[in-house]
C-alpha atoms as a PDB file:
ATOM      1  CA  UNK A   1      96.291 190.373  93.224  1.00  0.00           C
ATOM      2  CA  UNK A   2      98.511 191.296  96.175  1.00  0.00           C
ATOM      3  CA  UNK A   3     101.615 189.759  94.619  1.00  0.00           C
ATOM      4  CA  UNK A   4     100.835 191.361  91.270  1.00  0.00           C
ATOM      5  CA  UNK A   5     100.378 194.786  92.860  1.00  0.00           C
ATOM      6  CA  UNK A   6     103.676 194.527  94.751  1.00  0.00           C
ATOM      7  CA  UNK A   7     105.504 193.408  91.610  1.00  0.00           C
ATOM      8  CA  UNK A   8     104.058 196.252  89.542  1.00  0.00           C
ATOM      9  CA  UNK A   9     104.903 198.844  92.183  1.00  0.00           C
ATOM     10  CA  UNK A  10     108.443 197.503  92.542  1.00  0.00           C
ATOM     11  CA  UNK A  11     108.922 197.535  88.765  1.00  0.00           C
ATOM     12  CA  UNK A  12     107.604 201.102  88.577  1.00  0.00           C
ATOM     13  CA  UNK A  13     110.037 202.095  91.333  1.00  0.00           C
ATOM     14  CA  UNK A  14     112.985 200.654  89.393  1.00  0.00           C
ATOM     15  CA  UNK A  15     111.913 202.553  86.262  1.00  0.00           C
ATOM     16  CA  UNK A  16     111.615 205.768  88.266  1.00  0.00           C
ATOM     17  CA  UNK A  17     115.075 205.233  89.771  1.00  0.00           C
ATOM     18  CA  UNK A  18     116.480 204.964  86.234  1.00  0.00           C
ATOM     19  CA  UNK A  19     114.664 208.137  85.147  1.00  0.00           C
ATOM     20  CA  UNK A  20     115.885 210.019  88.230  1.00  0.00           C
ATOM     21  CA  UNK A  21     119.478 209.000  87.523  1.00  0.00           C
ATOM     22  CA  UNK A  22     119.178 210.386  83.985  1.00  0.00           C
ATOM     23  CA  UNK A  23     117.310 213.623  84.746  1.00  0.00           C
ATOM     24  CA  UNK A  24     119.196 216.660  85.995  1.00  0.00           C
ATOM     25  CA  UNK A  25     120.676 220.032  85.149  1.00  0.00           C
ATOM     26  CA  UNK A  26     123.823 218.380  83.773  1.00  0.00           C
ATOM     27  CA  UNK A  27     123.887 215.728  81.070  1.00  0.00           C
ATOM     28  CA  UNK A  28     125.553 212.455  82.047  1.00  0.00           C
ATOM     29  CA  UNK A  29     126.689 210.172  79.210  1.00  0.00           C
ATOM     30  CA  UNK A  30     126.106 206.873  81.017  1.00  0.00           C
ATOM     31  CA  UNK A  31     124.571 207.166  84.511  1.00  0.00           C
ATOM     32  CA  UNK A  32     124.772 203.422  85.169  1.00  0.00           C
ATOM     33  CA  UNK A  33     128.485 203.279  84.369  1.00  0.00           C
ATOM     34  CA  UNK A  34     129.118 206.398  86.427  1.00  0.00           C
ATOM     35  CA  UNK A  35     127.254 204.813  89.327  1.00  0.00           C
ATOM     36  CA  UNK A  36     129.811 202.009  89.375  1.00  0.00           C
ATOM     37  CA  UNK A  37     132.781 204.327  88.952  1.00  0.00           C
ATOM     38  CA  UNK A  38     133.280 204.246  85.193  1.00  0.00           C
ATOM     39  CA  UNK A  39     133.319 207.320  82.953  1.00  0.00           C
ATOM     40  CA  UNK A  40     134.503 210.886  83.323  1.00  0.00           C
ATOM     41  CA  UNK A  41     135.324 212.330  86.738  1.00  0.00           C
ATOM     42  CA  UNK A  42     132.522 214.885  86.353  1.00  0.00           C
ATOM     43  CA  UNK A  43     129.903 212.239  85.529  1.00  0.00           C
ATOM     44  CA  UNK A  44     130.992 210.049  88.425  1.00  0.00           C
ATOM     45  CA  UNK A  45     130.823 212.994  90.829  1.00  0.00           C
ATOM     46  CA  UNK A  46     127.325 213.993  89.653  1.00  0.00           C
ATOM     47  CA  UNK A  47     125.904 210.481  89.990  1.00  0.00           C
ATOM     48  CA  UNK A  48     127.682 209.269  93.110  1.00  0.00           C
ATOM     49  CA  UNK A  49     127.707 212.509  95.093  1.00  0.00           C
ATOM     50  CA  UNK A  50     124.423 214.159  94.052  1.00  0.00           C
ATOM     51  CA  UNK A  51     121.836 212.036  92.256  1.00  0.00           C
ATOM     52  CA  UNK A  52     122.372 208.611  93.851  1.00  0.00           C
ATOM     53  CA  UNK A  53     122.333 209.896  97.467  1.00  0.00           C
ATOM     54  CA  UNK A  54     119.203 211.910  96.691  1.00  0.00           C
ATOM     55  CA  UNK A  55     117.469 208.883  95.178  1.00  0.00           C
ATOM     56  CA  UNK A  56     118.419 206.728  98.151  1.00  0.00           C
ATOM     57  CA  UNK A  57     117.204 209.448 100.513  1.00  0.00           C
ATOM     58  CA  UNK A  58     113.840 209.588  98.710  1.00  0.00           C
ATOM     59  CA  UNK A  59     113.505 205.815  98.981  1.00  0.00           C
ATOM     60  CA  UNK A  60     114.424 205.803 102.673  1.00  0.00           C
ATOM     61  CA  UNK A  61     112.076 208.659 103.565  1.00  0.00           C
ATOM     62  CA  UNK A  62     109.225 207.416 101.359  1.00  0.00           C
ATOM     63  CA  UNK A  63     109.446 203.912 102.783  1.00  0.00           C
ATOM     64  CA  UNK A  64     109.461 205.350 106.292  1.00  0.00           C
ATOM     65  CA  UNK A  65     106.400 207.518 105.679  1.00  0.00           C
ATOM     66  CA  UNK A  66     104.508 204.617 104.119  1.00  0.00           C
ATOM     67  CA  UNK A  67     105.170 202.443 107.152  1.00  0.00           C
ATOM     68  CA  UNK A  68     104.521 205.251 109.647  1.00  0.00           C
ATOM     69  CA  UNK A  69     101.198 206.080 108.017  1.00  0.00           C
ATOM     70  CA  UNK A  70      99.986 202.485 108.265  1.00  0.00           C
ATOM     71  CA  UNK A  71     101.080 202.247 111.913  1.00  0.00           C
ATOM     72  CA  UNK A  72      99.442 205.584 112.794  1.00  0.00           C
ATOM     73  CA  UNK A  73      96.063 204.690 111.340  1.00  0.00           C
ATOM     74  CA  UNK A  74      96.176 201.183 112.790  1.00  0.00           C
ATOM     75  CA  UNK A  75      97.185 202.250 116.291  1.00  0.00           C
ATOM     76  CA  UNK A  76      94.408 204.844 116.486  1.00  0.00           C
ATOM     77  CA  UNK A  77      91.821 202.970 114.410  1.00  0.00           C
ATOM     78  CA  UNK A  78      91.371 206.220 112.533  1.00  0.00           C
ATOM     79  CA  UNK A  79      91.844 206.603 108.768  1.00  0.00           C
ATOM     80  CA  UNK A  80      92.683 210.290 109.216  1.00  0.00           C
ATOM     81  CA  UNK A  81      95.727 209.690 111.413  1.00  0.00           C
ATOM     82  CA  UNK A  82      99.248 210.330 110.114  1.00  0.00           C
ATOM     83  CA  UNK A  83     102.516 211.668 111.605  1.00  0.00           C
ATOM     84  CA  UNK A  84     101.888 215.265 110.507  1.00  0.00           C
ATOM     85  CA  UNK A  85      98.427 215.302 112.151  1.00  0.00           C
ATOM     86  CA  UNK A  86      99.769 213.508 115.223  1.00  0.00           C
ATOM     87  CA  UNK A  87     102.235 216.321 115.781  1.00  0.00           C
ATOM     88  CA  UNK A  88     105.084 213.839 115.276  1.00  0.00           C
ATOM     89  CA  UNK A  89     106.698 215.667 112.363  1.00  0.00           C
ATOM     90  CA  UNK A  90     106.214 219.072 113.977  1.00  0.00           C
ATOM     91  CA  UNK A  91     107.708 217.877 117.256  1.00  0.00           C
ATOM     92  CA  UNK A  92     110.746 216.478 115.475  1.00  0.00           C
ATOM     93  CA  UNK A  93     111.285 219.682 113.484  1.00  0.00           C
ATOM     94  CA  UNK A  94     110.853 221.921 116.525  1.00  0.00           C
ATOM     95  CA  UNK A  95     113.263 219.907 118.683  1.00  0.00           C
ATOM     96  CA  UNK A  96     115.833 219.905 115.887  1.00  0.00           C
ATOM     97  CA  UNK A  97     115.540 223.667 115.454  1.00  0.00           C
ATOM     98  CA  UNK A  98     115.975 224.204 119.204  1.00  0.00           C
ATOM     99  CA  UNK A  99     119.191 222.225 118.953  1.00  0.00           C
ATOM    100  CA  UNK A 100     120.360 224.406 116.065  1.00  0.00           C
ATOM    101  CA  UNK A 101     119.432 227.603 117.882  1.00  0.00           C
ATOM    102  CA  UNK A 102     120.790 226.903 121.361  1.00  0.00           C
ATOM    103  CA  UNK A 103     123.310 224.055 121.060  1.00  0.00           C
ATOM    104  CA  UNK A 104     124.954 224.620 117.661  1.00  0.00           C
ATOM    105  CA  UNK A 105     123.608 221.330 116.358  1.00  0.00           C
ATOM    106  CA  UNK A 106     123.936 220.869 112.603  1.00  0.00           C
ATOM    107  CA  UNK A 107     121.238 219.344 110.391  1.00  0.00           C
ATOM    108  CA  UNK A 108     122.081 215.751 109.552  1.00  0.00           C
ATOM    109  CA  UNK A 109     124.227 215.138 112.633  1.00  0.00           C
ATOM    110  CA  UNK A 110     123.745 212.380 115.195  1.00  0.00           C
ATOM    111  CA  UNK A 111     122.690 215.002 117.753  1.00  0.00           C
ATOM    112  CA  UNK A 112     120.048 216.393 115.379  1.00  0.00           C
ATOM    113  CA  UNK A 113     118.632 212.920 114.770  1.00  0.00           C
ATOM    114  CA  UNK A 114     118.504 212.214 118.511  1.00  0.00           C
ATOM    115  CA  UNK A 115     116.693 215.496 119.163  1.00  0.00           C
ATOM    116  CA  UNK A 116     114.298 214.805 116.294  1.00  0.00           C
ATOM    117  CA  UNK A 117     113.381 211.405 117.717  1.00  0.00           C
ATOM    118  CA  UNK A 118     112.866 212.790 121.228  1.00  0.00           C
ATOM    119  CA  UNK A 119     110.761 215.697 119.962  1.00  0.00           C
ATOM    120  CA  UNK A 120     108.683 213.386 117.772  1.00  0.00           C
ATOM    121  CA  UNK A 121     107.967 211.013 120.648  1.00  0.00           C
ATOM    122  CA  UNK A 122     106.981 213.750 123.106  1.00  0.00           C
ATOM    123  CA  UNK A 123     104.693 215.496 120.607  1.00  0.00           C
ATOM    124  CA  UNK A 124     102.993 212.230 119.626  1.00  0.00           C
ATOM    125  CA  UNK A 125     102.349 211.275 123.247  1.00  0.00           C
ATOM    126  CA  UNK A 126     100.978 214.740 124.080  1.00  0.00           C
ATOM    127  CA  UNK A 127      98.554 214.587 121.153  1.00  0.00           C
ATOM    128  CA  UNK A 128      97.362 211.115 122.067  1.00  0.00           C
ATOM    129  CA  UNK A 129      96.936 211.882 125.770  1.00  0.00           C
ATOM    130  CA  UNK A 130      94.899 215.012 124.997  1.00  0.00           C
ATOM    131  CA  UNK A 131      92.848 213.359 122.281  1.00  0.00           C
ATOM    132  CA  UNK A 132      91.956 210.056 123.897  1.00  0.00           C
ATOM    133  CA  UNK A 133      89.561 211.765 126.320  1.00  0.00           C
ATOM    134  CA  UNK A 134      87.232 212.612 123.431  1.00  0.00           C
ATOM    135  CA  UNK A 135      84.172 210.487 122.767  1.00  0.00           C
ATOM    136  CA  UNK A 136      84.884 209.987 119.102  1.00  0.00           C
ATOM    137  CA  UNK A 137      87.806 209.750 116.719  1.00  0.00           C
ATOM    138  CA  UNK A 138      87.055 213.137 115.233  1.00  0.00           C
ATOM    139  CA  UNK A 139      87.914 214.786 118.565  1.00  0.00           C
ATOM    140  CA  UNK A 140      91.378 213.297 118.332  1.00  0.00           C
ATOM    141  CA  UNK A 141      91.863 214.647 114.806  1.00  0.00           C
ATOM    142  CA  UNK A 142      90.801 218.150 115.859  1.00  0.00           C
ATOM    143  CA  UNK A 143      93.239 218.091 118.781  1.00  0.00           C
ATOM    144  CA  UNK A 144      95.952 216.658 116.550  1.00  0.00           C
ATOM    145  CA  UNK A 145      95.484 219.463 114.023  1.00  0.00           C
ATOM    146  CA  UNK A 146      95.622 222.019 116.851  1.00  0.00           C
ATOM    147  CA  UNK A 147      98.836 220.567 118.310  1.00  0.00           C
ATOM    148  CA  UNK A 148     100.381 220.407 114.845  1.00  0.00           C
ATOM    149  CA  UNK A 149      99.395 224.027 114.177  1.00  0.00           C
ATOM    150  CA  UNK A 150     101.063 225.135 117.408  1.00  0.00           C
ATOM    151  CA  UNK A 151     104.231 223.218 116.534  1.00  0.00           C
ATOM    152  CA  UNK A 152     104.281 224.601 112.986  1.00  0.00           C
ATOM    153  CA  UNK A 153     103.975 228.124 114.421  1.00  0.00           C
ATOM    154  CA  UNK A 154     106.814 227.430 116.851  1.00  0.00           C
ATOM    155  CA  UNK A 155     108.931 226.077 113.994  1.00  0.00           C
ATOM    156  CA  UNK A 156     108.257 229.277 112.033  1.00  0.00           C
ATOM    157  CA  UNK A 157     109.142 231.511 114.986  1.00  0.00           C
ATOM    158  CA  UNK A 158     112.290 229.513 115.721  1.00  0.00           C
ATOM    159  CA  UNK A 159     113.323 229.649 112.065  1.00  0.00           C
ATOM    160  CA  UNK A 160     113.130 233.447 112.142  1.00  0.00           C
ATOM    161  CA  UNK A 161     115.202 233.526 115.343  1.00  0.00           C
ATOM    162  CA  UNK A 162     118.056 231.535 113.817  1.00  0.00           C
ATOM    163  CA  UNK A 163     120.583 234.055 112.553  1.00  0.00           C
ATOM    164  CA  UNK A 164     123.638 231.972 111.778  1.00  0.00           C
ATOM    165  CA  UNK A 165     125.490 231.765 108.447  1.00  0.00           C
ATOM    166  CA  UNK A 166     125.530 227.963 108.626  1.00  0.00           C
ATOM    167  CA  UNK A 167     121.732 227.885 109.076  1.00  0.00           C
ATOM    168  CA  UNK A 168     120.751 229.811 105.950  1.00  0.00           C
ATOM    169  CA  UNK A 169     119.049 226.745 104.469  1.00  0.00           C
ATOM    170  CA  UNK A 170     116.818 226.187 107.512  1.00  0.00           C
ATOM    171  CA  UNK A 171     113.691 227.934 106.110  1.00  0.00           C
ATOM    172  CA  UNK A 172     113.830 225.778 102.965  1.00  0.00           C
ATOM    173  CA  UNK A 173     114.560 222.675 105.081  1.00  0.00           C
ATOM    174  CA  UNK A 174     111.538 223.315 107.313  1.00  0.00           C
ATOM    175  CA  UNK A 175     109.230 222.903 104.284  1.00  0.00           C
ATOM    176  CA  UNK A 176     110.758 219.546 103.427  1.00  0.00           C
ATOM    177  CA  UNK A 177     113.566 219.003 100.937  1.00  0.00           C
ATOM    178  CA  UNK A 178     115.898 216.322  99.646  1.00  0.00           C
ATOM    179  CA  UNK A 179     118.163 218.821  97.894  1.00  0.00           C
ATOM    180  CA  UNK A 180     120.773 218.695 100.649  1.00  0.00           C
ATOM    181  CA  UNK A 181     120.999 214.885 100.688  1.00  0.00           C
ATOM    182  CA  UNK A 182     124.493 213.482 101.120  1.00  0.00           C
ATOM    183  CA  UNK A 183     126.013 210.022 101.285  1.00  0.00           C
ATOM    184  CA  UNK A 184     126.913 210.506 104.932  1.00  0.00           C
ATOM    185  CA  UNK A 185     123.291 211.292 105.808  1.00  0.00           C
ATOM    186  CA  UNK A 186     122.034 208.237 103.960  1.00  0.00           C
ATOM    187  CA  UNK A 187     124.609 205.967 105.594  1.00  0.00           C
ATOM    188  CA  UNK A 188     123.689 207.432 108.973  1.00  0.00           C
ATOM    189  CA  UNK A 189     119.977 206.715 108.479  1.00  0.00           C
ATOM    190  CA  UNK A 190     120.218 203.168 107.114  1.00  0.00           C
ATOM    191  CA  UNK A 191     121.279 201.435 110.379  1.00  0.00           C
ATOM    192  CA  UNK A 192     118.575 203.371 112.240  1.00  0.00           C
ATOM    193  CA  UNK A 193     115.695 202.763 109.844  1.00  0.00           C
ATOM    194  CA  UNK A 194     116.270 199.196 108.622  1.00  0.00           C
ATOM    195  CA  UNK A 195     115.821 197.520 112.045  1.00  0.00           C
ATOM    196  CA  UNK A 196     112.725 199.657 112.742  1.00  0.00           C
ATOM    197  CA  UNK A 197     111.231 198.673 109.379  1.00  0.00           C
ATOM    198  CA  UNK A 198     111.723 194.980 110.187  1.00  0.00           C
ATOM    199  CA  UNK A 199     110.265 195.377 113.674  1.00  0.00           C
ATOM    200  CA  UNK A 200     107.307 197.307 112.229  1.00  0.00           C
ATOM    201  CA  UNK A 201     106.515 194.521 109.746  1.00  0.00           C
ATOM    202  CA  UNK A 202     106.619 191.904 112.503  1.00  0.00           C
ATOM    203  CA  UNK A 203     104.700 194.087 114.946  1.00  0.00           C
ATOM    204  CA  UNK A 204     101.999 195.142 112.440  1.00  0.00           C
ATOM    205  CA  UNK A 205      99.957 191.995 113.075  1.00  0.00           C
ATOM    206  CA  UNK A 206      99.235 193.286 116.596  1.00  0.00           C
ATOM    207  CA  UNK A 207      97.337 196.191 115.075  1.00  0.00           C
ATOM    208  CA  UNK A 208      94.778 193.751 113.686  1.00  0.00           C
ATOM    209  CA  UNK A 209      93.685 193.135 117.283  1.00  0.00           C
ATOM    210  CA  UNK A 210      93.113 196.851 117.830  1.00  0.00           C
ATOM    211  CA  UNK A 211      90.892 196.912 114.758  1.00  0.00           C
ATOM    212  CA  UNK A 212      88.504 194.649 116.702  1.00  0.00           C
ATOM    213  CA  UNK A 213      88.254 197.181 119.534  1.00  0.00           C
ATOM    214  CA  UNK A 214      90.080 197.475 122.854  1.00  0.00           C
ATOM    215  CA  UNK A 215      87.639 195.252 124.741  1.00  0.00           C
ATOM    216  CA  UNK A 216      87.880 192.387 122.255  1.00  0.00           C
ATOM    217  CA  UNK A 217      91.652 192.799 122.084  1.00  0.00           C
ATOM    218  CA  UNK A 218      91.792 192.458 125.872  1.00  0.00           C
ATOM    219  CA  UNK A 219      89.695 189.283 125.748  1.00  0.00           C
ATOM    220  CA  UNK A 220      92.184 187.895 123.236  1.00  0.00           C
ATOM    221  CA  UNK A 221      95.010 188.562 125.672  1.00  0.00           C
ATOM    222  CA  UNK A 222      96.391 191.742 124.060  1.00  0.00           C
ATOM    223  CA  UNK A 223      97.223 194.951 125.921  1.00  0.00           C
ATOM    224  CA  UNK A 224      95.941 197.822 123.782  1.00  0.00           C
ATOM    225  CA  UNK A 225      97.897 200.495 125.650  1.00  0.00           C
ATOM    226  CA  UNK A 226     101.150 198.604 125.226  1.00  0.00           C
ATOM    227  CA  UNK A 227     100.491 198.041 121.523  1.00  0.00           C
ATOM    228  CA  UNK A 228      99.849 201.758 120.981  1.00  0.00           C
ATOM    229  CA  UNK A 229     102.916 202.731 122.985  1.00  0.00           C
ATOM    230  CA  UNK A 230     105.113 200.463 120.867  1.00  0.00           C
ATOM    231  CA  UNK A 231     103.527 201.772 117.662  1.00  0.00           C
ATOM    232  CA  UNK A 232     104.082 205.398 118.706  1.00  0.00           C
ATOM    233  CA  UNK A 233     107.668 204.611 119.656  1.00  0.00           C
ATOM    234  CA  UNK A 234     108.367 203.067 116.255  1.00  0.00           C
ATOM    235  CA  UNK A 235     106.699 206.013 114.500  1.00  0.00           C
ATOM    236  CA  UNK A 236     108.657 208.536 116.572  1.00  0.00           C
ATOM    237  CA  UNK A 237     112.008 206.907 115.833  1.00  0.00           C
ATOM    238  CA  UNK A 238     111.368 206.672 112.087  1.00  0.00           C
ATOM    239  CA  UNK A 239     109.692 210.018 111.513  1.00  0.00           C
ATOM    240  CA  UNK A 240     111.911 211.848 113.995  1.00  0.00           C
ATOM    241  CA  UNK A 241     115.057 210.610 112.262  1.00  0.00           C
ATOM    242  CA  UNK A 242     114.005 211.544 108.720  1.00  0.00           C
ATOM    243  CA  UNK A 243     112.403 214.854 109.726  1.00  0.00           C
ATOM    244  CA  UNK A 244     115.546 215.980 111.534  1.00  0.00           C
ATOM    245  CA  UNK A 245     117.457 215.703 108.249  1.00  0.00           C
ATOM    246  CA  UNK A 246     114.920 216.404 105.515  1.00  0.00           C
ATOM    247  CA  UNK A 247     112.275 218.538 107.220  1.00  0.00           C
ATOM    248  CA  UNK A 248     108.509 218.048 107.353  1.00  0.00           C
ATOM    249  CA  UNK A 249     107.029 216.102 104.448  1.00  0.00           C
ATOM    250  CA  UNK A 250     103.287 216.130 105.003  1.00  0.00           C
ATOM    251  CA  UNK A 251     100.251 214.175 103.804  1.00  0.00           C
ATOM    252  CA  UNK A 252     102.122 211.371 102.030  1.00  0.00           C
ATOM    253  CA  UNK A 253     101.806 209.141 105.095  1.00  0.00           C
ATOM    254  CA  UNK A 254      98.064 209.871 105.096  1.00  0.00           C
ATOM    255  CA  UNK A 255      97.477 209.031 101.446  1.00  0.00           C
ATOM    256  CA  UNK A 256      99.527 205.840 101.143  1.00  0.00           C
ATOM    257  CA  UNK A 257      97.539 203.576 103.536  1.00  0.00           C
ATOM    258  CA  UNK A 258      94.278 204.652 101.874  1.00  0.00           C
ATOM    259  CA  UNK A 259      95.570 203.747  98.425  1.00  0.00           C
ATOM    260  CA  UNK A 260      96.984 200.411  99.581  1.00  0.00           C
ATOM    261  CA  UNK A 261      93.931 199.515 101.674  1.00  0.00           C
ATOM    262  CA  UNK A 262      91.631 200.007  98.692  1.00  0.00           C
ATOM    263  CA  UNK A 263      93.689 197.487  96.713  1.00  0.00           C
ATOM    264  CA  UNK A 264      94.818 194.753  99.125  1.00  0.00           C
ATOM    265  CA  UNK A 265      92.497 195.077 102.119  1.00  0.00           C
ATOM    266  CA  UNK A 266      92.892 196.038 105.804  1.00  0.00           C
ATOM    267  CA  UNK A 267      95.492 193.521 107.113  1.00  0.00           C
ATOM    268  CA  UNK A 268      98.168 195.688 108.698  1.00  0.00           C
ATOM    269  CA  UNK A 269     101.188 193.541 107.897  1.00  0.00           C
ATOM    270  CA  UNK A 270     100.347 193.778 104.203  1.00  0.00           C
ATOM    271  CA  UNK A 271      99.567 197.489 104.576  1.00  0.00           C
ATOM    272  CA  UNK A 272     103.031 198.071 106.015  1.00  0.00           C
ATOM    273  CA  UNK A 273     104.859 196.035 103.355  1.00  0.00           C
ATOM    274  CA  UNK A 274     102.961 197.398 100.360  1.00  0.00           C
ATOM    275  CA  UNK A 275     102.859 200.902 101.845  1.00  0.00           C
ATOM    276  CA  UNK A 276     106.638 200.885 102.160  1.00  0.00           C
ATOM    277  CA  UNK A 277     107.138 200.206  98.445  1.00  0.00           C
ATOM    278  CA  UNK A 278     104.428 202.644  97.358  1.00  0.00           C
ATOM    279  CA  UNK A 279     105.847 205.292  99.690  1.00  0.00           C
ATOM    280  CA  UNK A 280     109.290 204.954  98.115  1.00  0.00           C
ATOM    281  CA  UNK A 281     107.773 205.274  94.637  1.00  0.00           C
ATOM    282  CA  UNK A 282     105.552 208.281  95.425  1.00  0.00           C
ATOM    283  CA  UNK A 283     108.225 210.273  97.230  1.00  0.00           C
ATOM    284  CA  UNK A 284     110.759 209.635  94.479  1.00  0.00           C
ATOM    285  CA  UNK A 285     108.126 210.806  91.993  1.00  0.00           C
ATOM    286  CA  UNK A 286     107.403 213.898  94.111  1.00  0.00           C
ATOM    287  CA  UNK A 287     111.110 214.661  94.294  1.00  0.00           C
ATOM    288  CA  UNK A 288     111.443 214.341  90.525  1.00  0.00           C
ATOM    289  CA  UNK A 289     108.568 216.821  90.145  1.00  0.00           C
ATOM    290  CA  UNK A 290     110.063 219.147  92.760  1.00  0.00           C
ATOM    291  CA  UNK A 291     113.403 219.437  90.985  1.00  0.00           C
ATOM    292  CA  UNK A 292     112.148 219.587  87.378  1.00  0.00           C
ATOM    293  CA  UNK A 293     108.809 221.431  87.423  1.00  0.00           C
ATOM    294  CA  UNK A 294     110.329 224.863  88.033  1.00  0.00           C
ATOM    295  CA  UNK A 295     113.854 224.100  86.791  1.00  0.00           C
ATOM    296  CA  UNK A 296     116.440 225.532  87.336  1.00  0.00           C
ATOM    297  CA  UNK A 297     114.700 226.465  90.600  1.00  0.00           C
ATOM    298  CA  UNK A 298     113.608 223.755  92.996  1.00  0.00           C
ATOM    299  CA  UNK A 299     110.375 223.397  94.942  1.00  0.00           C
ATOM    300  CA  UNK A 300     110.299 222.165  98.551  1.00  0.00           C
ATOM    301  CA  UNK A 301     109.193 218.554  98.304  1.00  0.00           C
ATOM    302  CA  UNK A 302     106.815 219.061 101.242  1.00  0.00           C
ATOM    303  CA  UNK A 303     104.742 221.397  99.075  1.00  0.00           C
ATOM    304  CA  UNK A 304     104.494 218.791  96.314  1.00  0.00           C
ATOM    305  CA  UNK A 305     103.413 216.011  98.697  1.00  0.00           C
ATOM    306  CA  UNK A 306     100.882 218.381 100.282  1.00  0.00           C
ATOM    307  CA  UNK A 307      99.330 218.954  96.853  1.00  0.00           C
ATOM    308  CA  UNK A 308      99.202 215.191  96.308  1.00  0.00           C
ATOM    309  CA  UNK A 309      97.964 214.252  99.766  1.00  0.00           C
ATOM    310  CA  UNK A 310      95.606 217.079 100.733  1.00  0.00           C
ATOM    311  CA  UNK A 311      92.802 215.860  98.406  1.00  0.00           C
ATOM    312  CA  UNK A 312      92.999 212.460 100.116  1.00  0.00           C
ATOM    313  CA  UNK A 313      92.537 214.166 103.492  1.00  0.00           C
ATOM    314  CA  UNK A 314      89.480 216.071 102.218  1.00  0.00           C
ATOM    315  CA  UNK A 315      87.907 212.916 100.777  1.00  0.00           C
ATOM    316  CA  UNK A 316      88.672 210.987 103.986  1.00  0.00           C
ATOM    317  CA  UNK A 317      87.111 213.615 106.258  1.00  0.00           C
ATOM    318  CA  UNK A 318      83.964 213.825 104.121  1.00  0.00           C
ATOM    319  CA  UNK A 319      83.687 210.033 104.109  1.00  0.00           C
ATOM    320  CA  UNK A 320      84.216 209.830 107.884  1.00  0.00           C
ATOM    321  CA  UNK A 321      81.601 212.511 108.583  1.00  0.00           C
ATOM    322  CA  UNK A 322      79.120 210.794 106.258  1.00  0.00           C
ATOM    323  CA  UNK A 323      79.536 207.461 108.064  1.00  0.00           C
ATOM    324  CA  UNK A 324      79.146 209.001 111.531  1.00  0.00           C
ATOM    325  CA  UNK A 325      76.407 211.523 110.756  1.00  0.00           C
END
């Protein structure tokens, strides 16, 4: 079942990649040929400079969110946890905007990525430190929502304060978008994300110990605090990097682990692997919807993923409350 599910998801992703290459405002005679440098100059430019980088960006970001969602829920033993509710995404966006406002940092630069990672890590640690004092997991979620709300407000205020010609796209960026994807951004992200993905897959087995509870994990020789710190570090690096370039893309990281868990079970290594593929597929699908639903206008992809993921959050909260009533 697990192998069949992974094969089907991978096949669906390949089909969606083909559709995304063919769909756009301009007609391309042969997208596949243009991808490999054959055809008219215009077709080659459209595929290689616009559509292909955007598709790769969607795959990179979607894979990252799928992995980050599985790590978040595993580290906190809470099915409602995800980077947006941890404050991770908000921290990354706020730190990036501070760099733009005060240090002339440009979106997609190495400096922006570094600031995004630092902001993501600090925000995640603050949320966890404040929330762990609660007696139940719901306390953590409430605190996480509060921290995220504060960060979102700060992002909004900072966005209004930015009055630079080169930062005109910041408001649209803050809602999440792949429309400004470039080859240089993709090539900058790949060496950052690929090693973290591999480490996350290897590390995911440690989260199975946390699922048994901190006391049992300790008896098995595992340090729960160290495991969570490593998980939060991995999440901060991944989410901070992609948020600094593409803005906040919410709820997808929440929905993916729930979908995967219902199909293949709770083992975290499998959740990470399958979640990565499903995340790539769902974000590429969301991006296709974002750029075609209101064509020729484009919707922020964060709004589309919120519409897809918010119902999962509602169902999860109701289920959690019912179990703990």
